[in-house]
N, C-alpha and C. Protein backbone atom coordinates (compact mmCIF):
# COMPACT_ATOMS: atom_id res chain seq x y z
N MET A 1 0.95 -1.27 0.03
CA MET A 1 0.05 0.08 -0.10
C MET A 1 0.85 1.19 -0.08
N ALA A 2 0.59 2.18 -0.84
CA ALA A 2 1.39 3.37 -1.11
C ALA A 2 1.19 4.28 0.22
N GLN A 3 2.32 5.05 0.50
CA GLN A 3 2.07 6.02 1.66
C GLN A 3 1.34 7.15 1.30
N ILE A 4 0.38 7.51 2.20
CA ILE A 4 -0.30 8.58 2.25
C ILE A 4 0.46 9.88 2.31
N PHE A 5 1.28 10.12 3.48
CA PHE A 5 1.91 11.12 3.88
C PHE A 5 3.54 11.04 3.63
N PRO A 6 4.15 11.97 3.33
CA PRO A 6 5.58 11.92 3.33
C PRO A 6 6.30 11.59 4.46
N LYS A 7 7.76 11.10 4.43
CA LYS A 7 8.27 10.68 5.60
C LYS A 7 8.58 11.73 6.72
N TRP A 8 8.72 12.84 6.05
CA TRP A 8 9.13 14.10 7.07
C TRP A 8 8.00 14.26 7.97
N THR A 9 6.69 14.07 7.51
CA THR A 9 5.68 14.31 8.49
C THR A 9 5.65 13.51 9.82
N VAL A 10 6.44 12.49 9.75
CA VAL A 10 6.60 11.81 11.22
C VAL A 10 7.31 12.59 12.24
N HIS A 11 8.04 13.57 11.64
CA HIS A 11 8.76 14.50 12.77
C HIS A 11 7.79 15.73 13.05
N LEU A 12 6.64 15.89 12.45
CA LEU A 12 5.90 17.18 12.50
C LEU A 12 5.41 17.23 13.86
N PRO A 13 4.91 16.36 14.56
CA PRO A 13 4.37 16.74 15.93
C PRO A 13 5.33 17.00 16.78
N ALA A 14 6.67 16.50 16.77
CA ALA A 14 7.54 16.72 17.47
C ALA A 14 8.09 18.31 17.35
N GLY A 15 8.24 18.63 16.08
CA GLY A 15 8.48 20.01 15.66
C GLY A 15 7.62 21.09 16.04
N LEU A 16 6.36 20.68 15.79
CA LEU A 16 5.45 21.56 16.36
C LEU A 16 5.32 21.93 17.86
N ALA A 17 5.57 20.62 18.52
CA ALA A 17 5.73 20.84 20.09
C ALA A 17 6.91 21.86 20.58
N ILE A 18 7.95 21.61 19.85
CA ILE A 18 9.22 22.32 20.04
C ILE A 18 8.97 23.76 19.57
N GLY A 19 8.37 23.94 18.63
CA GLY A 19 8.04 25.42 18.07
C GLY A 19 7.17 26.12 18.93
N PHE A 20 6.09 25.35 19.59
CA PHE A 20 5.09 26.10 20.39
C PHE A 20 5.96 26.35 21.71
N ILE A 21 6.57 25.40 22.17
CA ILE A 21 7.52 25.81 23.42
C ILE A 21 8.42 26.95 23.34
N LEU A 22 9.08 27.12 22.21
CA LEU A 22 10.10 28.09 21.88
C LEU A 22 9.18 29.53 21.73
N LEU A 23 8.10 29.47 21.24
CA LEU A 23 7.16 30.68 21.03
C LEU A 23 6.57 31.03 22.32
N ALA A 24 6.30 30.17 23.26
CA ALA A 24 5.91 30.40 24.49
C ALA A 24 6.83 31.09 25.45
N VAL A 25 8.17 30.62 25.19
CA VAL A 25 9.22 31.12 26.06
C VAL A 25 9.57 32.51 25.49
N GLY A 26 9.57 32.70 24.20
CA GLY A 26 9.91 33.97 23.60
C GLY A 26 9.04 35.14 24.12
N ILE A 27 7.48 34.60 24.08
CA ILE A 27 6.48 35.58 24.50
C ILE A 27 6.72 36.03 26.02
N VAL A 28 6.86 35.03 26.69
CA VAL A 28 6.99 35.37 28.17
C VAL A 28 8.23 35.91 28.48
N GLY A 29 9.34 35.55 27.94
CA GLY A 29 10.86 36.46 27.89
C GLY A 29 10.43 37.90 27.47
N PHE A 30 9.71 38.17 26.48
CA PHE A 30 9.57 39.48 25.87
C PHE A 30 8.84 40.27 27.00
N PHE A 31 7.63 39.84 27.65
CA PHE A 31 6.85 40.58 28.57
C PHE A 31 7.67 40.62 29.91
N TRP A 32 8.53 39.56 30.15
CA TRP A 32 9.39 39.59 31.34
C TRP A 32 10.26 40.70 31.42
N TYR A 33 11.00 41.02 30.25
CA TYR A 33 11.98 42.17 30.29
C TYR A 33 11.30 43.45 30.03
N TYR A 34 10.31 43.46 28.82
CA TYR A 34 9.96 44.71 28.53
C TYR A 34 8.83 45.36 29.33
N GLY A 35 8.27 44.49 30.21
CA GLY A 35 7.30 44.89 31.08
C GLY A 35 7.78 45.00 32.57
N SER A 36 9.18 44.88 32.85
CA SER A 36 9.95 45.02 34.00
C SER A 36 10.00 46.48 34.42
N PRO A 37 10.36 46.73 35.53
CA PRO A 37 10.50 48.11 35.94
C PRO A 37 11.72 48.73 35.33
N LYS A 38 12.80 47.83 35.01
CA LYS A 38 14.11 48.11 34.39
C LYS A 38 13.76 48.92 32.98
N TYR A 39 12.66 48.44 32.22
CA TYR A 39 12.51 48.80 30.96
C TYR A 39 11.41 49.73 30.90
N THR A 40 10.43 49.65 31.82
CA THR A 40 9.25 50.63 31.83
C THR A 40 9.47 51.81 32.58
N ASP A 41 10.34 51.79 33.65
CA ASP A 41 10.45 53.08 34.52
C ASP A 41 11.95 53.79 34.35
N VAL A 42 12.81 53.18 34.12
CA VAL A 42 14.29 53.59 33.96
C VAL A 42 14.30 54.55 32.74
N GLY A 43 14.60 55.81 32.95
CA GLY A 43 14.70 56.81 31.82
C GLY A 43 13.38 57.60 31.96
N TYR A 44 12.41 57.35 32.82
CA TYR A 44 11.17 58.10 32.81
C TYR A 44 11.59 59.56 33.34
N ARG A 45 11.28 60.61 32.59
CA ARG A 45 11.64 61.89 32.72
C ARG A 45 10.47 62.95 32.15
N PRO A 46 9.28 62.99 33.19
CA PRO A 46 8.30 63.94 32.88
C PRO A 46 8.53 65.40 32.61
N ILE A 47 7.85 65.97 31.85
CA ILE A 47 8.01 67.44 31.61
C ILE A 47 7.22 68.08 32.82
N GLN A 48 8.09 69.05 33.58
CA GLN A 48 7.49 69.54 34.80
C GLN A 48 6.88 70.84 34.49
N PRO A 49 6.15 71.36 35.32
CA PRO A 49 5.50 72.82 35.05
C PRO A 49 6.25 73.80 34.99
N VAL A 50 7.41 73.79 35.84
CA VAL A 50 8.63 74.65 35.60
C VAL A 50 9.92 73.93 35.31
N PRO A 51 10.49 74.51 34.35
CA PRO A 51 11.99 73.82 33.80
C PRO A 51 13.00 73.95 34.94
N TYR A 52 13.04 73.28 36.06
CA TYR A 52 13.88 73.29 37.20
C TYR A 52 15.19 72.52 36.58
N SER A 53 16.31 72.91 36.71
CA SER A 53 17.56 72.06 36.44
C SER A 53 18.37 71.93 37.81
N HIS A 54 18.43 70.34 38.09
CA HIS A 54 19.31 70.06 38.90
C HIS A 54 20.60 70.24 38.99
N LYS A 55 21.00 70.31 37.60
CA LYS A 55 22.39 70.23 37.20
C LYS A 55 22.64 71.66 37.65
N LEU A 56 22.01 72.67 37.33
CA LEU A 56 22.24 74.14 37.81
C LEU A 56 22.54 74.23 39.24
N HIS A 57 21.32 74.01 39.76
CA HIS A 57 21.13 74.20 41.38
C HIS A 57 22.17 73.26 42.06
N ALA A 58 22.04 72.00 41.83
CA ALA A 58 22.69 71.03 42.72
C ALA A 58 24.03 70.61 42.30
N GLY A 59 24.30 71.02 40.90
CA GLY A 59 25.79 70.54 40.31
C GLY A 59 26.59 71.97 40.29
N ASP A 60 26.06 72.90 39.47
CA ASP A 60 27.13 74.18 39.25
C ASP A 60 26.91 74.92 40.39
N LEU A 61 25.80 75.18 41.12
CA LEU A 61 25.58 76.01 42.32
C LEU A 61 25.87 75.29 43.47
N GLY A 62 25.91 74.13 43.50
CA GLY A 62 26.43 73.29 44.53
C GLY A 62 25.34 73.30 45.90
N LEU A 63 24.02 73.39 45.54
CA LEU A 63 23.15 73.46 46.56
C LEU A 63 22.96 71.99 47.15
N ASP A 64 22.98 71.89 48.45
CA ASP A 64 22.71 70.76 49.08
C ASP A 64 21.38 70.20 48.90
N CYS A 65 21.11 68.77 48.68
CA CYS A 65 19.77 68.20 48.44
C CYS A 65 18.56 68.60 49.69
N ARG A 66 19.32 68.74 50.98
CA ARG A 66 18.61 69.09 52.19
C ARG A 66 17.87 70.53 52.22
N TYR A 67 18.50 71.35 51.09
CA TYR A 67 17.89 72.80 51.14
C TYR A 67 16.56 72.84 50.85
N CYS A 68 16.43 71.88 49.65
CA CYS A 68 14.96 71.95 49.14
C CYS A 68 14.18 70.78 49.77
N HIS A 69 14.96 69.46 49.84
CA HIS A 69 14.31 68.44 50.38
C HIS A 69 14.62 68.45 51.89
N SER A 70 13.88 69.26 52.75
CA SER A 70 14.42 69.69 54.05
C SER A 70 14.04 68.47 54.96
N SER A 71 13.17 67.67 54.64
CA SER A 71 12.77 66.74 55.77
C SER A 71 13.28 65.14 55.57
N ILE A 72 14.08 64.91 54.59
CA ILE A 72 14.34 63.49 54.15
C ILE A 72 15.11 62.84 55.16
N GLU A 73 15.79 63.61 56.11
CA GLU A 73 16.68 62.84 57.14
C GLU A 73 15.68 62.46 58.28
N ARG A 74 14.52 62.88 58.44
CA ARG A 74 13.78 62.49 59.52
C ARG A 74 12.25 62.13 59.11
N SER A 75 12.03 62.01 57.94
CA SER A 75 10.69 61.81 57.50
C SER A 75 10.83 60.58 56.75
N ALA A 76 9.62 59.74 56.74
CA ALA A 76 9.52 58.53 55.96
C ALA A 76 9.50 59.10 54.30
N LYS A 77 8.77 60.33 53.84
CA LYS A 77 8.69 60.35 52.70
C LYS A 77 9.54 61.63 52.18
N ALA A 78 10.10 61.77 51.10
CA ALA A 78 10.97 62.99 50.73
C ALA A 78 9.77 64.11 50.49
N ASN A 79 10.17 65.33 51.01
CA ASN A 79 9.08 66.25 50.86
C ASN A 79 9.50 67.03 49.39
N ILE A 80 8.35 67.38 48.82
CA ILE A 80 8.46 68.30 47.66
C ILE A 80 8.57 69.64 48.16
N PRO A 81 9.71 70.45 47.91
CA PRO A 81 9.98 71.77 48.18
C PRO A 81 8.88 72.81 47.98
N PRO A 82 8.44 73.52 49.10
CA PRO A 82 7.21 74.46 48.99
C PRO A 82 7.85 75.79 48.15
N THR A 83 6.84 76.45 47.53
CA THR A 83 7.44 77.45 46.72
C THR A 83 8.00 78.73 47.61
N ASN A 84 7.98 78.76 48.76
CA ASN A 84 8.57 79.68 49.59
C ASN A 84 10.18 79.28 49.48
N THR A 85 10.64 78.05 49.56
CA THR A 85 11.98 77.66 49.33
C THR A 85 12.42 78.34 48.01
N CYS A 86 11.79 78.22 47.06
CA CYS A 86 12.16 78.70 45.57
C CYS A 86 12.34 80.03 45.75
N MET A 87 11.51 80.82 46.35
CA MET A 87 11.41 82.20 46.39
C MET A 87 12.42 82.82 47.42
N ASN A 88 13.10 82.00 48.18
CA ASN A 88 14.10 82.49 49.10
C ASN A 88 15.21 83.01 48.08
N CYS A 89 15.38 82.68 47.12
CA CYS A 89 16.49 83.24 46.04
C CYS A 89 15.86 83.89 45.11
N HIS A 90 14.56 83.59 44.60
CA HIS A 90 14.06 84.28 43.36
C HIS A 90 13.11 85.54 43.63
N ARG A 91 13.40 85.84 44.83
CA ARG A 91 12.83 87.31 45.17
C ARG A 91 13.76 88.45 44.59
N ILE A 92 15.15 87.94 44.47
CA ILE A 92 16.08 88.78 44.04
C ILE A 92 16.79 88.31 42.98
N ILE A 93 16.56 87.03 42.52
CA ILE A 93 17.34 86.57 41.29
C ILE A 93 16.24 86.07 40.16
N LEU A 94 16.51 86.59 38.97
CA LEU A 94 15.38 86.42 37.93
C LEU A 94 13.98 86.78 38.01
N THR A 95 14.09 87.82 38.72
CA THR A 95 12.75 88.32 39.10
C THR A 95 11.58 88.38 38.05
N ASP A 96 12.32 88.68 36.89
CA ASP A 96 11.16 88.77 35.71
C ASP A 96 11.03 87.72 34.74
N SER A 97 11.85 86.46 34.91
CA SER A 97 11.86 85.43 34.02
C SER A 97 10.51 84.85 33.93
N GLU A 98 10.30 84.64 32.55
CA GLU A 98 9.02 84.35 32.12
C GLU A 98 8.78 82.72 32.47
N LYS A 99 10.00 81.89 32.47
CA LYS A 99 9.84 80.59 32.97
C LYS A 99 9.41 80.37 34.45
N LEU A 100 9.78 81.38 35.10
CA LEU A 100 9.31 81.36 36.74
C LEU A 100 8.10 81.95 37.11
N LEU A 101 7.40 82.28 35.94
CA LEU A 101 6.00 82.86 36.30
C LEU A 101 5.26 82.02 37.00
N PRO A 102 4.90 80.66 36.87
CA PRO A 102 4.26 79.83 37.75
C PRO A 102 4.74 79.79 39.32
N VAL A 103 5.97 80.02 39.48
CA VAL A 103 6.44 80.06 40.62
C VAL A 103 6.18 81.34 41.43
N ARG A 104 6.14 82.57 40.75
CA ARG A 104 5.79 83.80 41.38
C ARG A 104 4.13 83.70 41.40
N GLU A 105 3.25 83.06 40.62
CA GLU A 105 1.79 83.12 40.86
C GLU A 105 1.63 82.15 42.15
N SER A 106 2.24 81.11 42.14
CA SER A 106 2.04 80.10 43.16
C SER A 106 2.31 80.81 44.54
N PHE A 107 3.46 81.74 44.44
CA PHE A 107 4.01 82.43 45.75
C PHE A 107 2.82 83.48 46.16
N ALA A 108 2.33 84.08 45.09
CA ALA A 108 1.19 85.22 45.32
C ALA A 108 -0.09 84.50 45.70
N THR A 109 -0.45 83.44 45.16
CA THR A 109 -1.74 82.83 45.49
C THR A 109 -1.94 81.82 46.66
N GLY A 110 -0.86 81.31 46.98
CA GLY A 110 -0.72 80.15 47.98
C GLY A 110 -0.94 78.94 47.51
N ARG A 111 -1.24 78.73 46.13
CA ARG A 111 -1.57 77.49 45.36
C ARG A 111 -0.37 76.83 45.04
N PRO A 112 -0.09 75.58 45.28
CA PRO A 112 1.25 74.93 45.16
C PRO A 112 1.45 74.48 43.84
N ILE A 113 2.58 74.52 43.42
CA ILE A 113 3.01 74.01 41.96
C ILE A 113 2.66 72.63 41.91
N ARG A 114 2.04 72.06 40.98
CA ARG A 114 1.74 70.64 40.64
C ARG A 114 2.94 69.93 40.11
N TRP A 115 3.87 69.81 40.89
CA TRP A 115 5.19 68.94 40.33
C TRP A 115 4.62 67.56 40.03
N ILE A 116 5.35 66.91 38.96
CA ILE A 116 5.12 65.51 38.66
C ILE A 116 6.14 64.70 39.26
N LYS A 117 5.69 63.76 40.18
CA LYS A 117 6.60 62.66 40.80
C LYS A 117 7.16 61.91 39.86
N VAL A 118 8.60 61.56 40.03
CA VAL A 118 9.40 61.10 39.16
C VAL A 118 9.59 59.44 39.74
N HIS A 119 10.14 59.43 40.91
CA HIS A 119 10.40 58.17 41.49
C HIS A 119 9.13 57.77 42.36
N ARG A 120 8.52 56.87 41.75
CA ARG A 120 7.12 56.29 42.37
C ARG A 120 7.23 54.93 42.60
N LEU A 121 6.97 54.63 43.73
CA LEU A 121 6.64 53.19 44.20
C LEU A 121 5.11 52.85 44.52
N PRO A 122 4.95 51.77 44.32
CA PRO A 122 3.30 51.18 44.59
C PRO A 122 2.93 51.50 45.91
N ASP A 123 1.63 51.60 46.01
CA ASP A 123 1.02 51.99 47.16
C ASP A 123 1.05 50.75 48.27
N TYR A 124 1.52 49.58 47.83
CA TYR A 124 1.75 48.73 48.68
C TYR A 124 3.28 48.16 49.17
N VAL A 125 4.01 49.33 48.75
CA VAL A 125 5.34 49.33 48.95
C VAL A 125 5.64 50.33 50.24
N TYR A 126 6.28 50.09 51.35
CA TYR A 126 6.63 50.97 52.53
C TYR A 126 8.17 51.20 52.34
N PHE A 127 8.39 52.54 52.09
CA PHE A 127 9.83 52.88 52.07
C PHE A 127 10.05 54.07 52.95
N ASN A 128 11.02 53.94 53.76
CA ASN A 128 11.37 55.07 54.62
C ASN A 128 12.50 55.92 54.35
N HIS A 129 12.58 57.22 53.86
CA HIS A 129 13.80 57.85 53.47
C HIS A 129 14.67 58.07 54.61
N GLY A 130 14.10 58.25 55.78
CA GLY A 130 14.79 58.64 56.92
C GLY A 130 15.60 57.56 57.38
N ILE A 131 15.32 56.38 57.40
CA ILE A 131 15.95 55.19 58.02
C ILE A 131 17.23 54.70 56.93
N HIS A 132 17.00 55.05 55.55
CA HIS A 132 17.89 54.61 54.72
C HIS A 132 19.01 55.81 54.74
N LEU A 133 18.82 56.87 55.01
CA LEU A 133 19.92 57.93 55.20
C LEU A 133 20.48 57.96 56.46
N TYR A 134 19.88 57.51 57.61
CA TYR A 134 20.52 57.28 58.89
C TYR A 134 21.47 55.95 58.69
N ALA A 135 21.12 55.01 57.98
CA ALA A 135 21.93 54.01 57.79
C ALA A 135 23.12 54.39 56.96
N GLY A 136 23.16 55.32 56.10
CA GLY A 136 24.26 55.84 55.41
C GLY A 136 24.27 55.78 53.73
N VAL A 137 22.86 55.36 53.50
CA VAL A 137 22.79 55.12 52.14
C VAL A 137 22.48 56.59 51.48
N GLY A 138 23.30 56.88 50.33
CA GLY A 138 23.22 58.13 49.96
C GLY A 138 22.20 58.31 48.87
N CYS A 139 21.92 59.69 48.59
CA CYS A 139 20.86 59.95 47.66
C CYS A 139 21.12 59.23 46.08
N SER A 140 22.31 59.43 45.60
CA SER A 140 22.67 58.92 44.33
C SER A 140 22.56 57.41 44.30
N SER A 141 22.55 56.56 45.29
CA SER A 141 22.38 55.36 45.31
C SER A 141 21.05 54.59 44.74
N CYS A 142 20.18 55.47 44.96
CA CYS A 142 18.75 55.35 44.54
C CYS A 142 18.24 56.17 43.28
N HIS A 143 18.84 57.52 43.49
CA HIS A 143 18.30 58.40 42.47
C HIS A 143 19.13 58.65 41.04
N GLY A 144 20.66 58.00 41.28
CA GLY A 144 21.51 58.33 40.35
C GLY A 144 21.99 59.87 40.64
N ASN A 145 22.97 60.18 39.70
CA ASN A 145 23.71 61.45 39.87
C ASN A 145 22.91 62.67 39.48
N ILE A 146 21.88 62.99 40.42
CA ILE A 146 20.89 64.28 40.23
C ILE A 146 21.73 65.53 39.91
N ALA A 147 22.79 65.47 40.39
CA ALA A 147 23.61 66.87 40.17
C ALA A 147 24.00 66.84 38.57
N ASN A 148 23.82 66.00 37.75
CA ASN A 148 24.21 66.04 36.32
C ASN A 148 23.15 66.09 35.51
N MET A 149 21.68 66.07 36.01
CA MET A 149 20.47 65.98 35.24
C MET A 149 20.10 67.38 34.90
N GLU A 150 19.92 67.76 33.76
CA GLU A 150 19.22 68.89 33.57
C GLU A 150 17.51 68.77 33.85
N VAL A 151 17.15 67.38 33.21
CA VAL A 151 15.82 67.23 33.57
C VAL A 151 15.90 65.70 34.45
N VAL A 152 15.39 65.69 35.69
CA VAL A 152 15.38 64.48 36.54
C VAL A 152 14.65 63.42 35.94
N GLN A 153 15.28 62.26 35.80
CA GLN A 153 14.85 60.98 35.30
C GLN A 153 15.01 59.98 36.17
N GLN A 154 14.42 59.02 36.11
CA GLN A 154 14.71 57.87 36.95
C GLN A 154 15.93 57.02 36.63
N ALA A 155 16.82 56.67 37.30
CA ALA A 155 18.07 56.16 36.94
C ALA A 155 18.14 54.73 37.53
N LYS A 156 17.37 54.37 38.35
CA LYS A 156 17.52 52.86 38.99
C LYS A 156 15.99 52.27 38.72
N PRO A 157 16.05 50.89 38.75
CA PRO A 157 15.02 50.13 38.47
C PRO A 157 13.77 50.42 39.65
N LEU A 158 14.32 50.43 40.84
CA LEU A 158 13.49 50.52 41.91
C LEU A 158 12.48 49.31 42.12
N SER A 159 12.92 48.10 41.52
CA SER A 159 12.16 46.88 41.54
C SER A 159 12.48 46.20 42.83
N MET A 160 11.55 45.16 43.12
CA MET A 160 11.77 44.50 44.30
C MET A 160 13.05 43.64 44.48
N SER A 161 13.56 42.92 43.20
CA SER A 161 14.85 42.54 43.15
C SER A 161 16.02 43.35 43.42
N TRP A 162 15.72 44.50 42.82
CA TRP A 162 17.00 45.63 42.86
C TRP A 162 17.09 45.86 44.46
N CYS A 163 15.88 46.21 45.15
CA CYS A 163 16.07 46.58 46.49
C CYS A 163 16.63 45.36 47.51
N LEU A 164 16.21 44.23 47.17
CA LEU A 164 16.80 43.02 47.77
C LEU A 164 18.14 42.78 47.70
N ASP A 165 18.61 43.08 46.45
CA ASP A 165 20.09 42.81 46.11
C ASP A 165 20.85 43.86 47.28
N CYS A 166 20.35 44.97 47.46
CA CYS A 166 20.98 45.99 48.44
C CYS A 166 20.86 45.42 49.66
N HIS A 167 19.75 45.04 50.08
CA HIS A 167 19.36 44.66 51.54
C HIS A 167 20.25 43.45 52.09
N ARG A 168 20.51 42.64 50.95
CA ARG A 168 21.41 41.31 51.21
C ARG A 168 22.77 41.70 51.42
N ASN A 169 23.19 42.67 50.56
CA ASN A 169 24.70 43.05 50.73
C ASN A 169 24.71 44.65 50.62
N PRO A 170 24.54 45.15 51.59
CA PRO A 170 24.46 46.79 51.62
C PRO A 170 25.74 47.36 51.75
N ASP A 171 26.85 46.60 51.72
CA ASP A 171 28.21 47.03 52.16
C ASP A 171 28.55 48.35 51.21
N ASN A 172 28.38 48.13 49.89
CA ASN A 172 28.92 49.35 49.11
C ASN A 172 27.97 50.49 48.66
N SER A 173 26.92 50.49 49.58
CA SER A 173 25.79 51.36 49.63
C SER A 173 25.99 52.14 50.88
N LEU A 174 26.88 51.77 51.81
CA LEU A 174 27.01 52.83 53.09
C LEU A 174 28.23 53.71 52.86
N ARG A 175 27.89 54.66 53.45
CA ARG A 175 29.01 55.92 53.56
C ARG A 175 28.83 56.90 54.73
N PRO A 176 29.78 57.59 55.07
CA PRO A 176 29.67 58.43 56.17
C PRO A 176 28.41 59.39 56.06
N ALA A 177 28.04 59.75 57.34
CA ALA A 177 26.73 60.68 57.33
C ALA A 177 27.11 61.84 56.63
N GLY A 178 28.33 62.43 56.54
CA GLY A 178 28.62 63.72 55.96
C GLY A 178 28.68 63.51 54.32
N GLU A 179 28.38 62.44 53.91
CA GLU A 179 28.62 62.24 52.34
C GLU A 179 27.38 61.62 51.76
N ILE A 180 26.23 61.84 52.41
CA ILE A 180 24.99 61.02 51.95
C ILE A 180 24.38 61.96 50.86
N THR A 181 24.68 63.22 50.73
CA THR A 181 24.15 64.06 49.56
C THR A 181 25.35 64.19 48.33
N ASN A 182 26.41 63.67 48.66
CA ASN A 182 27.55 63.87 47.81
C ASN A 182 27.47 62.85 46.62
N MET A 183 27.03 63.63 45.46
CA MET A 183 26.91 62.74 44.26
C MET A 183 28.01 62.17 43.65
N ASN A 184 29.12 62.51 44.07
CA ASN A 184 30.48 62.04 43.40
C ASN A 184 31.27 61.03 44.43
N TRP A 185 30.59 60.79 45.47
CA TRP A 185 31.08 59.73 46.52
C TRP A 185 31.44 58.59 45.97
N THR A 186 32.51 57.71 46.08
CA THR A 186 32.89 56.62 45.65
C THR A 186 33.42 55.72 46.90
N PRO A 187 33.09 54.49 46.93
CA PRO A 187 33.58 53.50 48.12
C PRO A 187 35.19 53.46 48.11
N PRO A 188 35.74 53.88 49.38
CA PRO A 188 37.30 53.64 49.39
C PRO A 188 37.75 52.43 49.37
N GLU A 189 39.15 52.02 49.54
CA GLU A 189 39.53 50.86 49.56
C GLU A 189 39.26 49.85 50.76
N ASN A 190 39.04 50.61 51.78
CA ASN A 190 38.65 50.11 53.02
C ASN A 190 37.16 49.94 53.33
N GLN A 191 36.53 50.04 52.15
CA GLN A 191 34.99 50.11 52.48
C GLN A 191 34.37 48.93 53.11
N ALA A 192 34.83 47.56 52.89
CA ALA A 192 34.30 46.36 53.63
C ALA A 192 34.66 46.73 55.18
N GLU A 193 35.75 47.31 55.51
CA GLU A 193 35.84 47.37 57.08
C GLU A 193 34.89 48.38 57.60
N PHE A 194 34.71 49.66 56.77
CA PHE A 194 34.12 50.74 57.16
C PHE A 194 32.46 50.14 57.41
N ALA A 195 31.97 49.31 56.31
CA ALA A 195 30.64 49.03 56.41
C ALA A 195 30.46 48.16 57.63
N ALA A 196 31.12 47.26 57.81
CA ALA A 196 31.15 46.31 59.03
C ALA A 196 31.27 47.10 60.28
N GLN A 197 31.92 48.09 60.40
CA GLN A 197 31.73 49.12 61.68
C GLN A 197 30.50 49.80 61.73
N VAL A 198 29.99 50.19 60.61
CA VAL A 198 28.66 50.87 60.42
C VAL A 198 27.64 50.02 60.88
N LYS A 199 27.50 48.92 60.43
CA LYS A 199 26.58 47.89 60.59
C LYS A 199 26.32 47.56 62.05
N LYS A 200 27.57 47.43 62.69
CA LYS A 200 27.85 46.95 64.15
C LYS A 200 27.42 48.24 65.09
N GLU A 201 27.77 49.52 64.75
CA GLU A 201 27.52 50.67 65.51
C GLU A 201 26.02 50.91 65.50
N LYS A 202 25.56 50.85 64.39
CA LYS A 202 24.05 51.35 63.99
C LYS A 202 22.99 50.05 63.95
N ASN A 203 23.50 48.78 64.32
CA ASN A 203 22.80 47.80 64.50
C ASN A 203 22.00 47.46 63.18
N LEU A 204 22.58 47.63 61.97
CA LEU A 204 21.99 47.62 60.87
C LEU A 204 21.57 46.02 60.41
N ASN A 205 20.45 45.48 60.12
CA ASN A 205 20.24 44.41 59.78
C ASN A 205 18.98 44.49 58.72
N PRO A 206 19.30 44.82 57.43
CA PRO A 206 18.18 45.16 56.44
C PRO A 206 17.28 43.94 56.22
N PRO A 207 16.04 43.95 56.39
CA PRO A 207 15.05 42.94 56.31
C PRO A 207 15.05 42.43 54.83
N VAL A 208 14.89 41.15 54.83
CA VAL A 208 14.72 40.47 53.46
C VAL A 208 13.52 39.69 53.30
N ASP A 209 12.59 39.79 54.51
CA ASP A 209 11.33 39.17 54.50
C ASP A 209 10.14 39.94 54.00
N CYS A 210 9.07 39.43 53.56
CA CYS A 210 8.04 40.25 53.05
C CYS A 210 7.53 41.58 53.94
N SER A 211 7.45 41.24 55.16
CA SER A 211 7.16 42.23 56.02
C SER A 211 7.81 43.53 56.31
N GLY A 212 9.03 43.40 55.74
CA GLY A 212 9.93 44.62 55.78
C GLY A 212 9.58 45.65 54.89
N CYS A 213 8.99 45.28 53.78
CA CYS A 213 8.64 46.34 52.79
C CYS A 213 6.97 46.28 52.50
N HIS A 214 6.35 45.23 52.76
CA HIS A 214 4.87 45.25 52.63
C HIS A 214 4.26 45.07 53.95
N ARG A 215 3.52 46.04 54.36
CA ARG A 215 2.87 46.21 55.55
C ARG A 215 1.41 46.33 55.64
């Protein structure tokens, strides 16, 4: 009796199964990466209502982060600076600038400027700025070198795995208290010894269980 199907069709079911598996892996991998915080959030840089340059203020002029974000060392949340802080300088500097018109209007009316938040965490995540700064984690560890940014953008993924990497091994992120706002600080050669001393003195034991960040 003559064969109805060619010989190569014997391998067709196995080929289709392998092709389906590869396709499924490709689809999952695509969304795993392109839907991850590293891809969707890193580089996020919204247009703000006022073109504020951190490079000018924090970089060229050398303003300390805490001048504007005054509560970051003692508060769980980083404060958005009020218009009064801006006007401390701009009462006498660039008083007729068109770009600063929203700032002057906000100061005159008492209505706050609607700044757009760049670094956003889900509502189910608890993060305390004060605790991290007390431990010696610098601003640039999470925000990148803000002093080089004309427009602030998210530089780190801020994902759960990224946070856990630091909690499991925080040594390279710990620095002296006087260096927490230094954007150009780099770990010294004796960083391991310094970190061990800091963890002992401050009794640091970053949580890695769920309840540490999900409360």
